[in-house]
Amino acid sequence: MRAIAMIPARLGATRFPEKLLANIKGKTVIRRTLESTLNTGLFDEVIVVTDSEQIKQEVEQYGGQAVMSKGQYESGTDRIAEIAEDIDADIFVNVQGDEPFVQKAPLEKLLKVFADETGKNIQVASIVQKLKDEELAHDPNFVKVALDLRQNAMYFSRSAIPYLRNRDLGITYYEHIGVYAFRKQALLNFTKWPQSPLEMAEKIECLRFLENGVPIKMVISSYMGVEIDMPEDIQRAEAFMEKAGLE
């Protein structure tokens, strides 16, 4: 199974402009994301897809592969689809550029979803982790996921889902991790569809799949990294590195 990791890397960001060039203990966010993805050893190629010459230069000066996208896109998945169309691969994995602490175990688990007999009909898969702090379920910067009994996504939201009318139930909240895996045709279909109403309302791109009737298989991981969404996440990332003994 030929698997390609693609890292969409847009320079502009509403909440944290140029965050991918922000410094985390001597390395930029995009460099850490690239190196972490390469270090998993799971992919035939790792390609950064960007709209920025600055990001392209940052990637290439450390030996990474980067290509410039031509269009203006509303999501990272749309951006990588432009490049994926001309690449021969079975599975494309979208690793968001603001995920600097990508780990092998959850990505390996994600790829295995497509490899066995039961995975033949799976078109899209992604990763969740349990939220240990219930307060984070109410933080809109953390995307939550409601799962069905077969671990398919029922809905993604920036609100706390499910709403606990009876707080004694002890429901687990799941946080979505910004990594997706697609079969090629599913990825190309995504970019042909217009942005969907719920996608635009929540600003969560994978809702486009659900609104078009495409199930998303979710893999539960113990990954507890830090996604860089806001300036204060840099401090969280540095604290995470110190606790995990990372350099």
C-alpha atoms as a PDB file:
ATOM      1  CA  MET A   1       0.000   0.000   0.000  1.00  0.00           C
ATOM      2  CA  ARG A   2       1.622   3.218  -1.165  1.00  0.00           C
ATOM      3  CA  ALA A   3       1.006   6.002   1.351  1.00  0.00           C
ATOM      4  CA  ILE A   4       1.872   9.672   0.913  1.00  0.00           C
ATOM      5  CA  ALA A   5       1.826  12.230   3.727  1.00  0.00           C
ATOM      6  CA  MET A   6       0.875  15.727   2.630  1.00  0.00           C
ATOM      7  CA  ILE A   7       1.228  18.719   4.938  1.00  0.00           C
ATOM      8  CA  PRO A   8      -0.946  21.705   3.961  1.00  0.00           C
ATOM      9  CA  ALA A   9       0.861  24.841   5.087  1.00  0.00           C
ATOM     10  CA  ARG A  10      -0.910  28.164   4.635  1.00  0.00           C
ATOM     11  CA  LEU A  11       1.013  31.238   5.772  1.00  0.00           C
ATOM     12  CA  GLY A  12      -2.022  33.289   6.768  1.00  0.00           C
ATOM     13  CA  ALA A  13      -4.076  32.299   9.813  1.00  0.00           C
ATOM     14  CA  THR A  14      -6.892  34.319  11.346  1.00  0.00           C
ATOM     15  CA  ARG A  15      -6.211  33.547  15.004  1.00  0.00           C
ATOM     16  CA  PHE A  16      -2.400  33.343  14.788  1.00  0.00           C
ATOM     17  CA  PRO A  17      -0.896  34.881  11.611  1.00  0.00           C
ATOM     18  CA  GLU A  18       2.271  33.166  10.306  1.00  0.00           C
ATOM     19  CA  LYS A  19       2.028  30.579  13.075  1.00  0.00           C
ATOM     20  CA  LEU A  20       3.840  27.940  11.008  1.00  0.00           C
ATOM     21  CA  LEU A  21       6.967  30.089  11.116  1.00  0.00           C
ATOM     22  CA  ALA A  22       6.696  30.623  14.875  1.00  0.00           C
ATOM     23  CA  ASN A  23       9.608  29.300  16.918  1.00  0.00           C
ATOM     24  CA  ILE A  24       9.324  26.365  19.317  1.00  0.00           C
ATOM     25  CA  LYS A  25      12.640  25.865  21.101  1.00  0.00           C
ATOM     26  CA  GLY A  26      14.795  26.752  18.105  1.00  0.00           C
ATOM     27  CA  LYS A  27      12.720  25.240  15.288  1.00  0.00           C
ATOM     28  CA  THR A  28       9.713  26.553  13.400  1.00  0.00           C
ATOM     29  CA  VAL A  29       6.330  24.870  13.762  1.00  0.00           C
ATOM     30  CA  ILE A  30       6.363  23.677  10.144  1.00  0.00           C
ATOM     31  CA  ARG A  31       9.872  22.254  10.485  1.00  0.00           C
ATOM     32  CA  ARG A  32       8.864  20.294  13.571  1.00  0.00           C
ATOM     33  CA  THR A  33       5.739  18.980  11.830  1.00  0.00           C
ATOM     34  CA  LEU A  34       7.783  17.916   8.798  1.00  0.00           C
ATOM     35  CA  GLU A  35      10.511  16.241  10.856  1.00  0.00           C
ATOM     36  CA  SER A  36       8.010  14.445  13.105  1.00  0.00           C
ATOM     37  CA  THR A  37       6.145  13.095  10.070  1.00  0.00           C
ATOM     38  CA  LEU A  38       9.351  11.962   8.356  1.00  0.00           C
ATOM     39  CA  ASN A  39      10.604  10.318  11.537  1.00  0.00           C
ATOM     40  CA  THR A  40       7.603   7.980  11.657  1.00  0.00           C
ATOM     41  CA  GLY A  41       9.069   6.121   8.657  1.00  0.00           C
ATOM     42  CA  LEU A  42       5.557   5.219   7.490  1.00  0.00           C
ATOM     43  CA  PHE A  43       5.364   7.127   4.226  1.00  0.00           C
ATOM     44  CA  ASP A  44       6.754   6.709   0.732  1.00  0.00           C
ATOM     45  CA  GLU A  45       6.890  10.500   0.445  1.00  0.00           C
ATOM     46  CA  VAL A  46       6.234  13.499   2.689  1.00  0.00           C
ATOM     47  CA  ILE A  47       5.263  16.659   0.812  1.00  0.00           C
ATOM     48  CA  VAL A  48       4.547  20.125   2.192  1.00  0.00           C
ATOM     49  CA  VAL A  49       1.923  21.933   0.089  1.00  0.00           C
ATOM     50  CA  THR A  50       2.003  25.683   0.640  1.00  0.00           C
ATOM     51  CA  ASP A  51       0.927  29.067  -0.687  1.00  0.00           C
ATOM     52  CA  SER A  52       4.035  30.737   0.728  1.00  0.00           C
ATOM     53  CA  GLU A  53       7.524  31.092  -0.698  1.00  0.00           C
ATOM     54  CA  GLN A  54       8.763  31.660   2.875  1.00  0.00           C
ATOM     55  CA  ILE A  55       7.427  28.307   4.022  1.00  0.00           C
ATOM     56  CA  LYS A  56       8.743  26.591   0.889  1.00  0.00           C
ATOM     57  CA  GLN A  57      12.236  27.962   1.564  1.00  0.00           C
ATOM     58  CA  GLU A  58      12.036  26.979   5.238  1.00  0.00           C
ATOM     59  CA  VAL A  59      11.184  23.398   4.294  1.00  0.00           C
ATOM     60  CA  GLU A  60      13.730  23.065   1.500  1.00  0.00           C
ATOM     61  CA  GLN A  61      16.664  24.467   3.451  1.00  0.00           C
ATOM     62  CA  TYR A  62      16.358  21.499   5.809  1.00  0.00           C
ATOM     63  CA  GLY A  63      16.071  18.963   2.988  1.00  0.00           C
ATOM     64  CA  GLY A  64      12.291  18.677   2.876  1.00  0.00           C
ATOM     65  CA  GLN A  65      10.077  18.471  -0.198  1.00  0.00           C
ATOM     66  CA  ALA A  66       7.717  21.404  -0.784  1.00  0.00           C
ATOM     67  CA  VAL A  67       5.446  22.431  -3.645  1.00  0.00           C
ATOM     68  CA  MET A  68       3.477  25.604  -4.236  1.00  0.00           C
ATOM     69  CA  SER A  69      -0.275  25.279  -4.693  1.00  0.00           C
ATOM     70  CA  LYS A  70      -1.791  27.402  -7.437  1.00  0.00           C
ATOM     71  CA  GLY A  71      -5.313  28.041  -6.187  1.00  0.00           C
ATOM     72  CA  GLN A  72      -6.841  29.876  -3.246  1.00  0.00           C
ATOM     73  CA  TYR A  73      -8.431  27.344  -0.908  1.00  0.00           C
ATOM     74  CA  GLU A  74     -10.756  27.312   2.076  1.00  0.00           C
ATOM     75  CA  SER A  75      -9.210  24.218   3.660  1.00  0.00           C
ATOM     76  CA  GLY A  76      -6.009  22.238   3.822  1.00  0.00           C
ATOM     77  CA  THR A  77      -7.737  19.230   2.274  1.00  0.00           C
ATOM     78  CA  ASP A  78      -8.686  21.283  -0.789  1.00  0.00           C
ATOM     79  CA  ARG A  79      -5.067  22.437  -1.032  1.00  0.00           C
ATOM     80  CA  ILE A  80      -3.515  18.974  -1.000  1.00  0.00           C
ATOM     81  CA  ALA A  81      -6.099  17.591  -3.443  1.00  0.00           C
ATOM     82  CA  GLU A  82      -4.693  19.866  -6.163  1.00  0.00           C
ATOM     83  CA  ILE A  83      -1.296  18.163  -5.853  1.00  0.00           C
ATOM     84  CA  ALA A  84      -2.583  14.655  -5.090  1.00  0.00           C
ATOM     85  CA  GLU A  85      -4.420  14.449  -8.403  1.00  0.00           C
ATOM     86  CA  ASP A  86      -1.109  13.903 -10.223  1.00  0.00           C
ATOM     87  CA  ILE A  87       0.427  11.487  -7.684  1.00  0.00           C
ATOM     88  CA  ASP A  88       0.076   7.712  -7.798  1.00  0.00           C
ATOM     89  CA  ALA A  89      -0.757   6.470  -4.299  1.00  0.00           C
ATOM     90  CA  ASP A  90      -3.331   4.339  -2.501  1.00  0.00           C
ATOM     91  CA  ILE A  91      -3.674   6.461   0.622  1.00  0.00           C
ATOM     92  CA  PHE A  92      -3.071  10.159   1.200  1.00  0.00           C
ATOM     93  CA  VAL A  93      -2.624  11.354   4.771  1.00  0.00           C
ATOM     94  CA  ASN A  94      -3.275  14.999   5.546  1.00  0.00           C
ATOM     95  CA  VAL A  95      -1.081  16.038   8.484  1.00  0.00           C
ATOM     96  CA  GLN A  96      -2.024  19.586   9.419  1.00  0.00           C
ATOM     97  CA  GLY A  97       0.971  21.911   9.421  1.00  0.00           C
ATOM     98  CA  ASP A  98       0.230  23.016  12.981  1.00  0.00           C
ATOM     99  CA  GLU A  99       0.675  19.501  14.461  1.00  0.00           C
ATOM    100  CA  PRO A 100       4.392  19.619  15.421  1.00  0.00           C
ATOM    101  CA  PHE A 101       4.374  16.493  17.594  1.00  0.00           C
ATOM    102  CA  VAL A 102       3.102  13.834  15.190  1.00  0.00           C
ATOM    103  CA  GLN A 103       3.851  10.346  16.504  1.00  0.00           C
ATOM    104  CA  LYS A 104       4.258   6.997  14.763  1.00  0.00           C
ATOM    105  CA  ALA A 105       1.813   4.866  16.769  1.00  0.00           C
ATOM    106  CA  PRO A 106      -1.428   6.751  15.984  1.00  0.00           C
ATOM    107  CA  LEU A 107      -0.473   7.202  12.319  1.00  0.00           C
ATOM    108  CA  GLU A 108       0.360   3.510  12.012  1.00  0.00           C
ATOM    109  CA  LYS A 109      -2.998   2.658  13.565  1.00  0.00           C
ATOM    110  CA  LEU A 110      -4.689   5.046  11.128  1.00  0.00           C
ATOM    111  CA  LEU A 111      -3.102   3.401   8.080  1.00  0.00           C
ATOM    112  CA  LYS A 112      -4.027  -0.092   9.299  1.00  0.00           C
ATOM    113  CA  VAL A 113      -7.703   0.885   9.060  1.00  0.00           C
ATOM    114  CA  PHE A 114      -7.378   0.653   5.266  1.00  0.00           C
ATOM    115  CA  ALA A 115      -5.171  -2.430   5.130  1.00  0.00           C
ATOM    116  CA  ASP A 116      -7.311  -5.274   6.450  1.00  0.00           C
ATOM    117  CA  GLU A 117     -10.317  -6.963   4.841  1.00  0.00           C
ATOM    118  CA  THR A 118     -12.869  -4.865   6.727  1.00  0.00           C
ATOM    119  CA  GLY A 119     -11.179  -1.675   5.544  1.00  0.00           C
ATOM    120  CA  LYS A 120     -11.898  -2.154   1.856  1.00  0.00           C
ATOM    121  CA  ASN A 121     -15.006   0.027   2.005  1.00  0.00           C
ATOM    122  CA  ILE A 122     -13.492   2.740   4.204  1.00  0.00           C
ATOM    123  CA  GLN A 123     -12.844   5.913   2.248  1.00  0.00           C
ATOM    124  CA  VAL A 124     -11.865   8.374   4.988  1.00  0.00           C
ATOM    125  CA  ALA A 125     -10.429   7.964   8.480  1.00  0.00           C
ATOM    126  CA  SER A 126      -9.134  10.269  11.185  1.00  0.00           C
ATOM    127  CA  ILE A 127      -7.943  10.337  14.802  1.00  0.00           C
ATOM    128  CA  VAL A 128      -9.456  11.304  18.146  1.00  0.00           C
ATOM    129  CA  GLN A 129      -8.129  11.366  21.672  1.00  0.00           C
ATOM    130  CA  LYS A 130     -10.004  11.431  24.957  1.00  0.00           C
ATOM    131  CA  LEU A 131     -10.207  14.852  26.568  1.00  0.00           C
ATOM    132  CA  LYS A 132      -9.026  14.442  30.139  1.00  0.00           C
ATOM    133  CA  ASP A 133      -9.978  17.981  31.157  1.00  0.00           C
ATOM    134  CA  GLU A 134     -13.744  18.523  30.817  1.00  0.00           C
ATOM    135  CA  GLU A 135     -13.232  22.295  30.713  1.00  0.00           C
ATOM    136  CA  LEU A 136     -11.528  21.908  27.327  1.00  0.00           C
ATOM    137  CA  ALA A 137     -14.755  20.442  25.940  1.00  0.00           C
ATOM    138  CA  HIS A 138     -16.201  23.937  26.199  1.00  0.00           C
ATOM    139  CA  ASP A 139     -13.221  25.605  24.477  1.00  0.00           C
ATOM    140  CA  PRO A 140     -14.058  26.304  20.794  1.00  0.00           C
ATOM    141  CA  ASN A 141     -10.385  25.930  19.851  1.00  0.00           C
ATOM    142  CA  PHE A 142     -10.738  22.195  20.562  1.00  0.00           C
ATOM    143  CA  VAL A 143     -12.853  20.359  17.976  1.00  0.00           C
ATOM    144  CA  LYS A 144     -14.993  17.673  19.598  1.00  0.00           C
ATOM    145  CA  VAL A 145     -16.337  14.516  17.942  1.00  0.00           C
ATOM    146  CA  ALA A 146     -19.383  12.390  18.746  1.00  0.00           C
ATOM    147  CA  LEU A 147     -18.878   8.726  17.783  1.00  0.00           C
ATOM    148  CA  ASP A 148     -21.345   5.975  16.982  1.00  0.00           C
ATOM    149  CA  LEU A 149     -20.969   2.442  18.345  1.00  0.00           C
ATOM    150  CA  ARG A 150     -18.764   1.452  15.385  1.00  0.00           C
ATOM    151  CA  GLN A 151     -16.389   4.382  15.898  1.00  0.00           C
ATOM    152  CA  ASN A 152     -17.671   6.364  12.958  1.00  0.00           C
ATOM    153  CA  ALA A 153     -17.959  10.119  13.392  1.00  0.00           C
ATOM    154  CA  MET A 154     -21.534  11.297  13.914  1.00  0.00           C
ATOM    155  CA  TYR A 155     -20.673  14.987  14.159  1.00  0.00           C
ATOM    156  CA  PHE A 156     -17.776  17.391  14.710  1.00  0.00           C
ATOM    157  CA  SER A 157     -18.281  20.610  16.655  1.00  0.00           C
ATOM    158  CA  ARG A 158     -16.525  23.409  18.466  1.00  0.00           C
ATOM    159  CA  SER A 159     -19.280  23.159  21.072  1.00  0.00           C
ATOM    160  CA  ALA A 160     -19.285  20.515  23.778  1.00  0.00           C
ATOM    161  CA  ILE A 161     -20.893  17.380  22.330  1.00  0.00           C
ATOM    162  CA  PRO A 162     -22.765  15.620  23.691  1.00  0.00           C
ATOM    163  CA  TYR A 163     -24.509  18.106  25.973  1.00  0.00           C
ATOM    164  CA  LEU A 164     -24.812  16.439  29.378  1.00  0.00           C
ATOM    165  CA  ARG A 165     -28.329  17.034  30.610  1.00  0.00           C
ATOM    166  CA  ASN A 166     -27.652  14.391  33.254  1.00  0.00           C
ATOM    167  CA  ARG A 167     -24.150  15.060  34.519  1.00  0.00           C
ATOM    168  CA  ASP A 168     -24.017  11.724  36.361  1.00  0.00           C
ATOM    169  CA  LEU A 169     -23.678   9.762  33.108  1.00  0.00           C
ATOM    170  CA  GLY A 170     -19.916  10.245  32.856  1.00  0.00           C
ATOM    171  CA  ILE A 171     -19.780  10.594  29.069  1.00  0.00           C
ATOM    172  CA  THR A 172     -16.310  10.743  27.475  1.00  0.00           C
ATOM    173  CA  TYR A 173     -15.490  13.767  25.345  1.00  0.00           C
ATOM    174  CA  TYR A 174     -13.316  13.164  22.299  1.00  0.00           C
ATOM    175  CA  GLU A 175     -11.042  15.743  20.696  1.00  0.00           C
ATOM    176  CA  HIS A 176     -10.340  15.587  16.977  1.00  0.00           C
ATOM    177  CA  ILE A 177      -6.662  15.452  15.993  1.00  0.00           C
ATOM    178  CA  GLY A 178      -5.806  17.277  12.757  1.00  0.00           C
ATOM    179  CA  VAL A 179      -4.785  14.195  10.775  1.00  0.00           C
ATOM    180  CA  TYR A 180      -6.941  12.644   8.036  1.00  0.00           C
ATOM    181  CA  ALA A 181      -6.401   9.677   5.722  1.00  0.00           C
ATOM    182  CA  PHE A 182      -8.174   9.295   2.386  1.00  0.00           C
ATOM    183  CA  ARG A 183      -8.374   6.962  -0.527  1.00  0.00           C
ATOM    184  CA  LYS A 184      -7.480   9.007  -3.586  1.00  0.00           C
ATOM    185  CA  GLN A 185     -10.957   9.223  -5.098  1.00  0.00           C
ATOM    186  CA  ALA A 186     -12.479  10.344  -1.794  1.00  0.00           C
ATOM    187  CA  LEU A 187      -9.929  13.155  -1.610  1.00  0.00           C
ATOM    188  CA  LEU A 188     -10.642  14.243  -5.182  1.00  0.00           C
ATOM    189  CA  ASN A 189     -14.410  14.095  -4.581  1.00  0.00           C
ATOM    190  CA  PHE A 190     -14.035  16.350  -1.542  1.00  0.00           C
ATOM    191  CA  THR A 191     -12.542  19.190  -3.518  1.00  0.00           C
ATOM    192  CA  LYS A 192     -15.249  18.951  -6.207  1.00  0.00           C
ATOM    193  CA  TRP A 193     -18.013  19.600  -3.688  1.00  0.00           C
ATOM    194  CA  PRO A 194     -18.792  23.176  -2.615  1.00  0.00           C
ATOM    195  CA  GLN A 195     -18.271  24.106   1.008  1.00  0.00           C
ATOM    196  CA  SER A 196     -21.180  22.687   2.974  1.00  0.00           C
ATOM    197  CA  PRO A 197     -23.425  24.691   5.354  1.00  0.00           C
ATOM    198  CA  LEU A 198     -22.253  23.006   8.566  1.00  0.00           C
ATOM    199  CA  GLU A 199     -18.630  23.178   7.442  1.00  0.00           C
ATOM    200  CA  MET A 200     -18.952  26.933   6.986  1.00  0.00           C
ATOM    201  CA  ALA A 201     -20.792  27.349  10.296  1.00  0.00           C
ATOM    202  CA  GLU A 202     -18.269  25.411  12.393  1.00  0.00           C
ATOM    203  CA  LYS A 203     -15.161  26.049  10.241  1.00  0.00           C
ATOM    204  CA  ILE A 204     -14.439  22.305  10.323  1.00  0.00           C
ATOM    205  CA  GLU A 205     -13.585  20.917   6.894  1.00  0.00           C
ATOM    206  CA  CYS A 206     -14.358  17.234   7.527  1.00  0.00           C
ATOM    207  CA  LEU A 207     -18.035  18.085   7.979  1.00  0.00           C
ATOM    208  CA  ARG A 208     -18.127  18.347   4.181  1.00  0.00           C
ATOM    209  CA  PHE A 209     -17.702  14.574   4.005  1.00  0.00           C
ATOM    210  CA  LEU A 210     -20.497  13.898   6.505  1.00  0.00           C
ATOM    211  CA  GLU A 211     -22.877  16.311   4.789  1.00  0.00           C
ATOM    212  CA  ASN A 212     -22.242  14.502   1.506  1.00  0.00           C
ATOM    213  CA  GLY A 213     -22.927  11.102   3.030  1.00  0.00           C
ATOM    214  CA  VAL A 214     -19.344   9.839   3.352  1.00  0.00           C
ATOM    215  CA  PRO A 215     -18.654   8.081   6.697  1.00  0.00           C
ATOM    216  CA  ILE A 216     -15.449   8.874   8.571  1.00  0.00           C
ATOM    217  CA  LYS A 217     -13.903   6.040  10.572  1.00  0.00           C
ATOM    218  CA  MET A 218     -12.288   7.347  13.762  1.00  0.00           C
ATOM    219  CA  VAL A 219      -9.235   5.835  15.432  1.00  0.00           C
ATOM    220  CA  ILE A 220      -8.945   6.402  19.183  1.00  0.00           C
ATOM    221  CA  SER A 221      -5.398   7.294  20.176  1.00  0.00           C
ATOM    222  CA  SER A 222      -3.619   8.146  23.406  1.00  0.00           C
ATOM    223  CA  TYR A 223      -1.689  10.882  21.558  1.00  0.00           C
ATOM    224  CA  MET A 224      -1.559  13.992  23.740  1.00  0.00           C
ATOM    225  CA  GLY A 225       0.435  16.498  21.704  1.00  0.00           C
ATOM    226  CA  VAL A 226      -0.237  20.200  21.245  1.00  0.00           C
ATOM    227  CA  GLU A 227      -1.831  21.760  18.183  1.00  0.00           C
ATOM    228  CA  ILE A 228      -0.704  25.325  17.476  1.00  0.00           C
ATOM    229  CA  ASP A 229      -3.828  27.463  17.083  1.00  0.00           C
ATOM    230  CA  MET A 230      -3.129  30.489  19.258  1.00  0.00           C
ATOM    231  CA  PRO A 231       0.031  32.357  20.379  1.00  0.00           C
ATOM    232  CA  GLU A 232      -0.300  30.896  23.879  1.00  0.00           C
ATOM    233  CA  ASP A 233      -0.023  27.396  22.400  1.00  0.00           C
ATOM    234  CA  ILE A 234       3.704  27.992  21.883  1.00  0.00           C
ATOM    235  CA  GLN A 235       4.178  27.980  25.659  1.00  0.00           C
ATOM    236  CA  ARG A 236       2.003  24.869  25.937  1.00  0.00           C
ATOM    237  CA  ALA A 237       4.143  23.202  23.262  1.00  0.00           C
ATOM    238  CA  GLU A 238       7.381  24.062  25.052  1.00  0.00           C
ATOM    239  CA  ALA A 239       5.987  22.742  28.333  1.00  0.00           C
ATOM    240  CA  PHE A 240       4.912  19.554  26.539  1.00  0.00           C
ATOM    241  CA  MET A 241       8.435  19.124  25.145  1.00  0.00           C
ATOM    242  CA  GLU A 242      10.039  19.536  28.548  1.00  0.00           C
ATOM    243  CA  LYS A 243       7.662  17.037  30.139  1.00  0.00           C
ATOM    244  CA  ALA A 244       8.178  14.519  27.312  1.00  0.00           C
ATOM    245  CA  GLY A 245      11.956  15.040  27.180  1.00  0.00           C
ATOM    246  CA  LEU A 246      11.876  16.206  23.547  1.00  0.00           C
ATOM    247  CA  GLU A 247      14.469  18.457  21.929  1.00  0.00           C
END
